[in-house]
Amino acid sequence: MTEPVPPLRFLHSDSTMNRWKLEHFRRLSSAELKVSLLPGQPGALKARPDGVLLDGHHRLHVLAERGENIELLPREIMERDE
């Protein structure tokens, strides 16, 4: 049995998101964004064990805007010393 995964928590607020990055990622398809977030990719979705996002903020923001359930995406769990 697998342990429940905590919900993702954005480290940055919407107002501090880089507008250029958001516009760049909005040009990509949802499928492209999801592939870029897969574990093992250079920009994989990374989070702490408590769900705090470390990498993938802008891409996840765009996916959430599109109504995608970002909680279902696989993530790399990073311990504090990594």
PDB file of N, CA and C in Angstrom:
ATOM      1  N   MET A   1       0.845  -1.182   0.000  1.00  0.00           N
ATOM      2  CA  MET A   1       0.000   0.000   0.000  1.00  0.00           C
ATOM      3  C   MET A   1       0.891   1.247   0.000  1.00  0.00           C
ATOM      4  N   THR A   2       0.574   2.208  -0.863  1.00  0.00           N
ATOM      5  CA  THR A   2       1.380   3.421  -0.947  1.00  0.00           C
ATOM      6  C   THR A   2       0.828   4.484   0.009  1.00  0.00           C
ATOM      7  N   GLU A   3       1.741   5.299   0.498  1.00  0.00           N
ATOM      8  CA  GLU A   3       1.338   6.384   1.392  1.00  0.00           C
ATOM      9  C   GLU A   3       0.649   7.479   0.604  1.00  0.00           C
ATOM     10  N   PRO A   4      -0.301   8.179   1.217  1.00  0.00           N
ATOM     11  CA  PRO A   4      -0.939   9.292   0.506  1.00  0.00           C
ATOM     12  C   PRO A   4       0.077  10.390   0.208  1.00  0.00           C
ATOM     13  N   VAL A   5      -0.084  11.004  -0.931  1.00  0.00           N
ATOM     14  CA  VAL A   5       0.816  12.083  -1.348  1.00  0.00           C
ATOM     15  C   VAL A   5       0.189  13.402  -0.908  1.00  0.00           C
ATOM     16  N   PRO A   6       0.954  14.247  -0.198  1.00  0.00           N
ATOM     17  CA  PRO A   6       0.375  15.523   0.245  1.00  0.00           C
ATOM     18  C   PRO A   6       0.083  16.424  -0.949  1.00  0.00           C
ATOM     19  N   PRO A   7      -0.897  17.297  -0.817  1.00  0.00           N
ATOM     20  CA  PRO A   7      -1.200  18.215  -1.920  1.00  0.00           C
ATOM     21  C   PRO A   7      -0.014  19.138  -2.202  1.00  0.00           C
ATOM     22  N   LEU A   8       0.102  19.511  -3.469  1.00  0.00           N
ATOM     23  CA  LEU A   8       1.168  20.428  -3.869  1.00  0.00           C
ATOM     24  C   LEU A   8       0.888  21.818  -3.305  1.00  0.00           C
ATOM     25  N   ARG A   9       1.941  22.465  -2.847  1.00  0.00           N
ATOM     26  CA  ARG A   9       1.830  23.823  -2.315  1.00  0.00           C
ATOM     27  C   ARG A   9       2.819  24.710  -3.051  1.00  0.00           C
ATOM     28  N   PHE A  10       2.296  25.730  -3.696  1.00  0.00           N
ATOM     29  CA  PHE A  10       3.143  26.654  -4.440  1.00  0.00           C
ATOM     30  C   PHE A  10       3.974  27.484  -3.481  1.00  0.00           C
ATOM     31  N   LEU A  11       5.260  27.570  -3.759  1.00  0.00           N
ATOM     32  CA  LEU A  11       6.183  28.367  -2.970  1.00  0.00           C
ATOM     33  C   LEU A  11       6.029  29.850  -3.315  1.00  0.00           C
ATOM     34  N   HIS A  12       5.652  30.129  -4.556  1.00  0.00           N
ATOM     35  CA  HIS A  12       5.505  31.497  -5.044  1.00  0.00           C
ATOM     36  C   HIS A  12       4.024  31.825  -5.224  1.00  0.00           C
ATOM     37  N   SER A  13       3.652  33.047  -4.918  1.00  0.00           N
ATOM     38  CA  SER A  13       2.276  33.484  -5.149  1.00  0.00           C
ATOM     39  C   SER A  13       2.109  33.853  -6.621  1.00  0.00           C
ATOM     40  N   ASP A  14       0.867  33.930  -7.061  1.00  0.00           N
ATOM     41  CA  ASP A  14       0.588  34.301  -8.450  1.00  0.00           C
ATOM     42  C   ASP A  14       1.232  35.636  -8.817  1.00  0.00           C
ATOM     43  N   SER A  15       1.237  36.568  -7.883  1.00  0.00           N
ATOM     44  CA  SER A  15       1.759  37.907  -8.187  1.00  0.00           C
ATOM     45  C   SER A  15       3.276  37.924  -8.375  1.00  0.00           C
ATOM     46  N   THR A  16       3.975  36.908  -7.900  1.00  0.00           N
ATOM     47  CA  THR A  16       5.431  36.883  -8.061  1.00  0.00           C
ATOM     48  C   THR A  16       5.884  35.994  -9.220  1.00  0.00           C
ATOM     49  N   MET A  17       4.931  35.397  -9.935  1.00  0.00           N
ATOM     50  CA  MET A  17       5.277  34.555 -11.085  1.00  0.00           C
ATOM     51  C   MET A  17       5.857  35.429 -12.189  1.00  0.00           C
ATOM     52  N   ASN A  18       6.841  34.906 -12.883  1.00  0.00           N
ATOM     53  CA  ASN A  18       7.474  35.603 -13.999  1.00  0.00           C
ATOM     54  C   ASN A  18       6.514  35.577 -15.189  1.00  0.00           C
ATOM     55  N   ARG A  19       6.041  36.746 -15.589  1.00  0.00           N
ATOM     56  CA  ARG A  19       5.039  36.848 -16.676  1.00  0.00           C
ATOM     57  C   ARG A  19       5.582  36.327 -17.995  1.00  0.00           C
ATOM     58  N   TRP A  20       6.869  36.549 -18.266  1.00  0.00           N
ATOM     59  CA  TRP A  20       7.467  36.060 -19.507  1.00  0.00           C
ATOM     60  C   TRP A  20       7.423  34.537 -19.541  1.00  0.00           C
ATOM     61  N   LYS A  21       7.813  33.896 -18.433  1.00  0.00           N
ATOM     62  CA  LYS A  21       7.781  32.428 -18.376  1.00  0.00           C
ATOM     63  C   LYS A  21       6.359  31.903 -18.546  1.00  0.00           C
ATOM     64  N   LEU A  22       5.400  32.545 -17.896  1.00  0.00           N
ATOM     65  CA  LEU A  22       4.011  32.110 -18.035  1.00  0.00           C
ATOM     66  C   LEU A  22       3.565  32.178 -19.486  1.00  0.00           C
ATOM     67  N   GLU A  23       3.859  33.282 -20.161  1.00  0.00           N
ATOM     68  CA  GLU A  23       3.466  33.419 -21.565  1.00  0.00           C
ATOM     69  C   GLU A  23       4.161  32.373 -22.433  1.00  0.00           C
ATOM     70  N   HIS A  24       5.413  32.108 -22.153  1.00  0.00           N
ATOM     71  CA  HIS A  24       6.157  31.081 -22.892  1.00  0.00           C
ATOM     72  C   HIS A  24       5.477  29.720 -22.731  1.00  0.00           C
ATOM     73  N   PHE A  25       5.170  29.333 -21.496  1.00  0.00           N
ATOM     74  CA  PHE A  25       4.581  28.020 -21.261  1.00  0.00           C
ATOM     75  C   PHE A  25       3.142  27.936 -21.740  1.00  0.00           C
ATOM     76  N   ARG A  26       2.444  29.043 -21.818  1.00  0.00           N
ATOM     77  CA  ARG A  26       1.076  29.042 -22.343  1.00  0.00           C
ATOM     78  C   ARG A  26       1.050  28.710 -23.835  1.00  0.00           C
ATOM     79  N   ARG A  27       2.174  28.881 -24.517  1.00  0.00           N
ATOM     80  CA  ARG A  27       2.250  28.547 -25.952  1.00  0.00           C
ATOM     81  C   ARG A  27       2.401  27.049 -26.180  1.00  0.00           C
ATOM     82  N   LEU A  28       2.763  26.308 -25.136  1.00  0.00           N
ATOM     83  CA  LEU A  28       2.960  24.864 -25.266  1.00  0.00           C
ATOM     84  C   LEU A  28       1.663  24.126 -24.959  1.00  0.00           C
ATOM     85  N   SER A  29       1.544  22.946 -25.524  1.00  0.00           N
ATOM     86  CA  SER A  29       0.358  22.135 -25.249  1.00  0.00           C
ATOM     87  C   SER A  29       0.444  21.553 -23.842  1.00  0.00           C
ATOM     88  N   SER A  30      -0.686  21.146 -23.320  1.00  0.00           N
ATOM     89  CA  SER A  30      -0.704  20.508 -22.008  1.00  0.00           C
ATOM     90  C   SER A  30       0.139  19.246 -22.016  1.00  0.00           C
ATOM     91  N   ALA A  31       0.082  18.487 -23.103  1.00  0.00           N
ATOM     92  CA  ALA A  31       0.878  17.261 -23.210  1.00  0.00           C
ATOM     93  C   ALA A  31       2.373  17.580 -23.132  1.00  0.00           C
ATOM     94  N   GLU A  32       2.813  18.635 -23.820  1.00  0.00           N
ATOM     95  CA  GLU A  32       4.225  19.019 -23.780  1.00  0.00           C
ATOM     96  C   GLU A  32       4.646  19.423 -22.363  1.00  0.00           C
ATOM     97  N   LEU A  33       3.784  20.162 -21.690  1.00  0.00           N
ATOM     98  CA  LEU A  33       4.095  20.587 -20.327  1.00  0.00           C
ATOM     99  C   LEU A  33       4.208  19.377 -19.397  1.00  0.00           C
ATOM    100  N   LYS A  34       3.281  18.435 -19.541  1.00  0.00           N
ATOM    101  CA  LYS A  34       3.301  17.248 -18.677  1.00  0.00           C
ATOM    102  C   LYS A  34       4.554  16.412 -18.910  1.00  0.00           C
ATOM    103  N   VAL A  35       4.965  16.261 -20.157  1.00  0.00           N
ATOM    104  CA  VAL A  35       6.183  15.496 -20.452  1.00  0.00           C
ATOM    105  C   VAL A  35       7.392  16.185 -19.828  1.00  0.00           C
ATOM    106  N   SER A  36       7.441  17.514 -19.882  1.00  0.00           N
ATOM    107  CA  SER A  36       8.588  18.243 -19.326  1.00  0.00           C
ATOM    108  C   SER A  36       8.680  18.117 -17.811  1.00  0.00           C
ATOM    109  N   LEU A  37       7.592  17.742 -17.173  1.00  0.00           N
ATOM    110  CA  LEU A  37       7.550  17.616 -15.721  1.00  0.00           C
ATOM    111  C   LEU A  37       7.826  16.202 -15.215  1.00  0.00           C
ATOM    112  N   LEU A  38       7.933  15.247 -16.134  1.00  0.00           N
ATOM    113  CA  LEU A  38       8.116  13.850 -15.723  1.00  0.00           C
ATOM    114  C   LEU A  38       9.415  13.639 -14.949  1.00  0.00           C
ATOM    115  N   PRO A  39       9.377  12.756 -13.952  1.00  0.00           N
ATOM    116  CA  PRO A  39      10.607  12.427 -13.233  1.00  0.00           C
ATOM    117  C   PRO A  39      11.702  11.988 -14.194  1.00  0.00           C
ATOM    118  N   GLY A  40      12.916  12.427 -13.921  1.00  0.00           N
ATOM    119  CA  GLY A  40      14.052  12.102 -14.773  1.00  0.00           C
ATOM    120  C   GLY A  40      14.358  13.175 -15.806  1.00  0.00           C
ATOM    121  N   GLN A  41      13.414  14.070 -16.070  1.00  0.00           N
ATOM    122  CA  GLN A  41      13.643  15.175 -16.993  1.00  0.00           C
ATOM    123  C   GLN A  41      14.436  16.265 -16.266  1.00  0.00           C
ATOM    124  N   PRO A  42      15.196  17.083 -17.016  1.00  0.00           N
ATOM    125  CA  PRO A  42      15.971  18.148 -16.356  1.00  0.00           C
ATOM    126  C   PRO A  42      15.107  19.086 -15.505  1.00  0.00           C
ATOM    127  N   GLY A  43      13.913  19.399 -15.932  1.00  0.00           N
ATOM    128  CA  GLY A  43      13.028  20.296 -15.178  1.00  0.00           C
ATOM    129  C   GLY A  43      11.874  19.556 -14.548  1.00  0.00           C
ATOM    130  N   ALA A  44      12.121  18.344 -14.080  1.00  0.00           N
ATOM    131  CA  ALA A  44      11.058  17.514 -13.510  1.00  0.00           C
ATOM    132  C   ALA A  44      10.337  18.230 -12.368  1.00  0.00           C
ATOM    133  N   LEU A  45       9.098  17.826 -12.155  1.00  0.00           N
ATOM    134  CA  LEU A  45       8.321  18.324 -11.036  1.00  0.00           C
ATOM    135  C   LEU A  45       8.975  17.826  -9.751  1.00  0.00           C
ATOM    136  N   LYS A  46       9.476  18.762  -8.961  1.00  0.00           N
ATOM    137  CA  LYS A  46      10.150  18.418  -7.709  1.00  0.00           C
ATOM    138  C   LYS A  46       9.414  19.074  -6.557  1.00  0.00           C
ATOM    139  N   ALA A  47       9.225  18.299  -5.491  1.00  0.00           N
ATOM    140  CA  ALA A  47       8.551  18.811  -4.307  1.00  0.00           C
ATOM    141  C   ALA A  47       9.194  18.209  -3.065  1.00  0.00           C
ATOM    142  N   ARG A  48       9.038  18.902  -1.974  1.00  0.00           N
ATOM    143  CA  ARG A  48       9.470  18.365  -0.681  1.00  0.00           C
ATOM    144  C   ARG A  48       8.443  17.330  -0.227  1.00  0.00           C
ATOM    145  N   PRO A  49       8.784  16.530   0.763  1.00  0.00           N
ATOM    146  CA  PRO A  49       7.827  15.527   1.257  1.00  0.00           C
ATOM    147  C   PRO A  49       6.492  16.127   1.721  1.00  0.00           C
ATOM    148  N   ASP A  50       6.517  17.405   2.156  1.00  0.00           N
ATOM    149  CA  ASP A  50       5.281  18.050   2.617  1.00  0.00           C
ATOM    150  C   ASP A  50       4.469  18.672   1.471  1.00  0.00           C
ATOM    151  N   GLY A  51       4.942  18.518   0.228  1.00  0.00           N
ATOM    152  CA  GLY A  51       4.202  19.017  -0.933  1.00  0.00           C
ATOM    153  C   GLY A  51       4.647  20.374  -1.439  1.00  0.00           C
ATOM    154  N   VAL A  52       5.574  21.041  -0.760  1.00  0.00           N
ATOM    155  CA  VAL A  52       6.048  22.360  -1.208  1.00  0.00           C
ATOM    156  C   VAL A  52       6.817  22.178  -2.519  1.00  0.00           C
ATOM    157  N   LEU A  53       6.413  22.933  -3.524  1.00  0.00           N
ATOM    158  CA  LEU A  53       7.036  22.858  -4.846  1.00  0.00           C
ATOM    159  C   LEU A  53       8.425  23.459  -4.851  1.00  0.00           C
ATOM    160  N   LEU A  54       9.343  22.763  -5.498  1.00  0.00           N
ATOM    161  CA  LEU A  54      10.700  23.271  -5.668  1.00  0.00           C
ATOM    162  C   LEU A  54      10.999  23.572  -7.131  1.00  0.00           C
ATOM    163  N   ASP A  55      10.380  22.842  -8.040  1.00  0.00           N
ATOM    164  CA  ASP A  55      10.608  23.060  -9.475  1.00  0.00           C
ATOM    165  C   ASP A  55       9.335  22.712 -10.227  1.00  0.00           C
ATOM    166  N   GLY A  56       8.955  23.579 -11.163  1.00  0.00           N
ATOM    167  CA  GLY A  56       7.777  23.333 -11.988  1.00  0.00           C
ATOM    168  C   GLY A  56       6.649  24.331 -11.770  1.00  0.00           C
ATOM    169  N   HIS A  57       6.897  25.359 -10.983  1.00  0.00           N
ATOM    170  CA  HIS A  57       5.857  26.322 -10.610  1.00  0.00           C
ATOM    171  C   HIS A  57       5.078  26.874 -11.805  1.00  0.00           C
ATOM    172  N   HIS A  58       5.802  27.403 -12.781  1.00  0.00           N
ATOM    173  CA  HIS A  58       5.143  28.085 -13.900  1.00  0.00           C
ATOM    174  C   HIS A  58       4.371  27.103 -14.774  1.00  0.00           C
ATOM    175  N   ARG A  59       4.962  25.946 -15.040  1.00  0.00           N
ATOM    176  CA  ARG A  59       4.266  24.951 -15.865  1.00  0.00           C
ATOM    177  C   ARG A  59       3.022  24.424 -15.154  1.00  0.00           C
ATOM    178  N   LEU A  60       3.128  24.197 -13.851  1.00  0.00           N
ATOM    179  CA  LEU A  60       1.958  23.741 -13.094  1.00  0.00           C
ATOM    180  C   LEU A  60       0.885  24.817 -13.041  1.00  0.00           C
ATOM    181  N   HIS A  61       1.300  26.061 -12.915  1.00  0.00           N
ATOM    182  CA  HIS A  61       0.344  27.178 -12.903  1.00  0.00           C
ATOM    183  C   HIS A  61      -0.464  27.185 -14.204  1.00  0.00           C
ATOM    184  N   VAL A  62       0.222  27.023 -15.331  1.00  0.00           N
ATOM    185  CA  VAL A  62      -0.455  27.015 -16.635  1.00  0.00           C
ATOM    186  C   VAL A  62      -1.385  25.810 -16.738  1.00  0.00           C
ATOM    187  N   LEU A  63      -0.929  24.645 -16.317  1.00  0.00           N
ATOM    188  CA  LEU A  63      -1.787  23.454 -16.365  1.00  0.00           C
ATOM    189  C   LEU A  63      -3.023  23.638 -15.482  1.00  0.00           C
ATOM    190  N   ALA A  64      -2.849  24.204 -14.306  1.00  0.00           N
ATOM    191  CA  ALA A  64      -3.987  24.438 -13.413  1.00  0.00           C
ATOM    192  C   ALA A  64      -4.968  25.434 -14.043  1.00  0.00           C
ATOM    193  N   GLU A  65      -4.447  26.463 -14.716  1.00  0.00           N
ATOM    194  CA  GLU A  65      -5.310  27.420 -15.428  1.00  0.00           C
ATOM    195  C   GLU A  65      -6.189  26.713 -16.447  1.00  0.00           C
ATOM    196  N   ARG A  66      -5.644  25.660 -17.037  1.00  0.00           N
ATOM    197  CA  ARG A  66      -6.355  24.901 -18.071  1.00  0.00           C
ATOM    198  C   ARG A  66      -7.298  23.851 -17.485  1.00  0.00           C
ATOM    199  N   GLY A  67      -7.361  23.787 -16.175  1.00  0.00           N
ATOM    200  CA  GLY A  67      -8.263  22.842 -15.529  1.00  0.00           C
ATOM    201  C   GLY A  67      -7.701  21.448 -15.329  1.00  0.00           C
ATOM    202  N   GLU A  68      -6.391  21.300 -15.529  1.00  0.00           N
ATOM    203  CA  GLU A  68      -5.748  19.993 -15.334  1.00  0.00           C
ATOM    204  C   GLU A  68      -5.597  19.719 -13.834  1.00  0.00           C
ATOM    205  N   ASN A  69      -5.732  18.465 -13.454  1.00  0.00           N
ATOM    206  CA  ASN A  69      -5.539  18.081 -12.063  1.00  0.00           C
ATOM    207  C   ASN A  69      -4.055  17.837 -11.829  1.00  0.00           C
ATOM    208  N   ILE A  70      -3.362  18.846 -11.354  1.00  0.00           N
ATOM    209  CA  ILE A  70      -1.912  18.756 -11.187  1.00  0.00           C
ATOM    210  C   ILE A  70      -1.523  17.810 -10.053  1.00  0.00           C
ATOM    211  N   GLU A  71      -2.445  17.508  -9.170  1.00  0.00           N
ATOM    212  CA  GLU A  71      -2.158  16.600  -8.059  1.00  0.00           C
ATOM    213  C   GLU A  71      -1.861  15.183  -8.536  1.00  0.00           C
ATOM    214  N   LEU A  72      -2.329  14.835  -9.725  1.00  0.00           N
ATOM    215  CA  LEU A  72      -2.138  13.482 -10.252  1.00  0.00           C
ATOM    216  C   LEU A  72      -0.792  13.297 -10.945  1.00  0.00           C
ATOM    217  N   LEU A  73      -0.063  14.379 -11.155  1.00  0.00           N
ATOM    218  CA  LEU A  73       1.213  14.291 -11.862  1.00  0.00           C
ATOM    219  C   LEU A  73       2.285  13.658 -10.974  1.00  0.00           C
ATOM    220  N   PRO A  74       3.111  12.783 -11.563  1.00  0.00           N
ATOM    221  CA  PRO A  74       4.199  12.198 -10.761  1.00  0.00           C
ATOM    222  C   PRO A  74       5.218  13.268 -10.405  1.00  0.00           C
ATOM    223  N   ARG A  75       5.808  13.104  -9.247  1.00  0.00           N
ATOM    224  CA  ARG A  75       6.775  14.097  -8.776  1.00  0.00           C
ATOM    225  C   ARG A  75       7.994  13.422  -8.166  1.00  0.00           C
ATOM    226  N   GLU A  76       9.096  14.136  -8.221  1.00  0.00           N
ATOM    227  CA  GLU A  76      10.299  13.692  -7.529  1.00  0.00           C
ATOM    228  C   GLU A  76      10.265  14.325  -6.141  1.00  0.00           C
ATOM    229  N   ILE A  77      10.431  13.500  -5.124  1.00  0.00           N
ATOM    230  CA  ILE A  77      10.438  13.997  -3.749  1.00  0.00           C
ATOM    231  C   ILE A  77      11.892  14.305  -3.368  1.00  0.00           C
ATOM    232  N   MET A  78      12.108  15.529  -2.949  1.00  0.00           N
ATOM    233  CA  MET A  78      13.451  15.986  -2.592  1.00  0.00           C
ATOM    234  C   MET A  78      13.503  16.237  -1.095  1.00  0.00           C
ATOM    235  N   GLU A  79      14.445  15.600  -0.450  1.00  0.00           N
ATOM    236  CA  GLU A  79      14.658  15.850   0.973  1.00  0.00           C
ATOM    237  C   GLU A  79      15.394  17.169   1.113  1.00  0.00           C
ATOM    238  N   ARG A  80      15.361  17.760   2.253  1.00  0.00           N
ATOM    239  CA  ARG A  80      15.960  19.089   2.477  1.00  0.00           C
ATOM    240  C   ARG A  80      17.444  19.141   2.171  1.00  0.00           C
ATOM    241  N   ASP A  81      18.162  18.047   2.356  1.00  0.00           N
ATOM    242  CA  ASP A  81      19.606  18.077   2.139  1.00  0.00           C
ATOM    243  C   ASP A  81      20.002  17.775   0.699  1.00  0.00           C
ATOM    244  N   GLU A  82      19.038  17.574  -0.202  1.00  0.00           N
ATOM    245  CA  GLU A  82      19.362  17.274  -1.601  1.00  0.00           C
ATOM    246  C   GLU A  82      19.536  18.543  -2.393  1.00  0.00           C
TER     247      GLU A  82
END
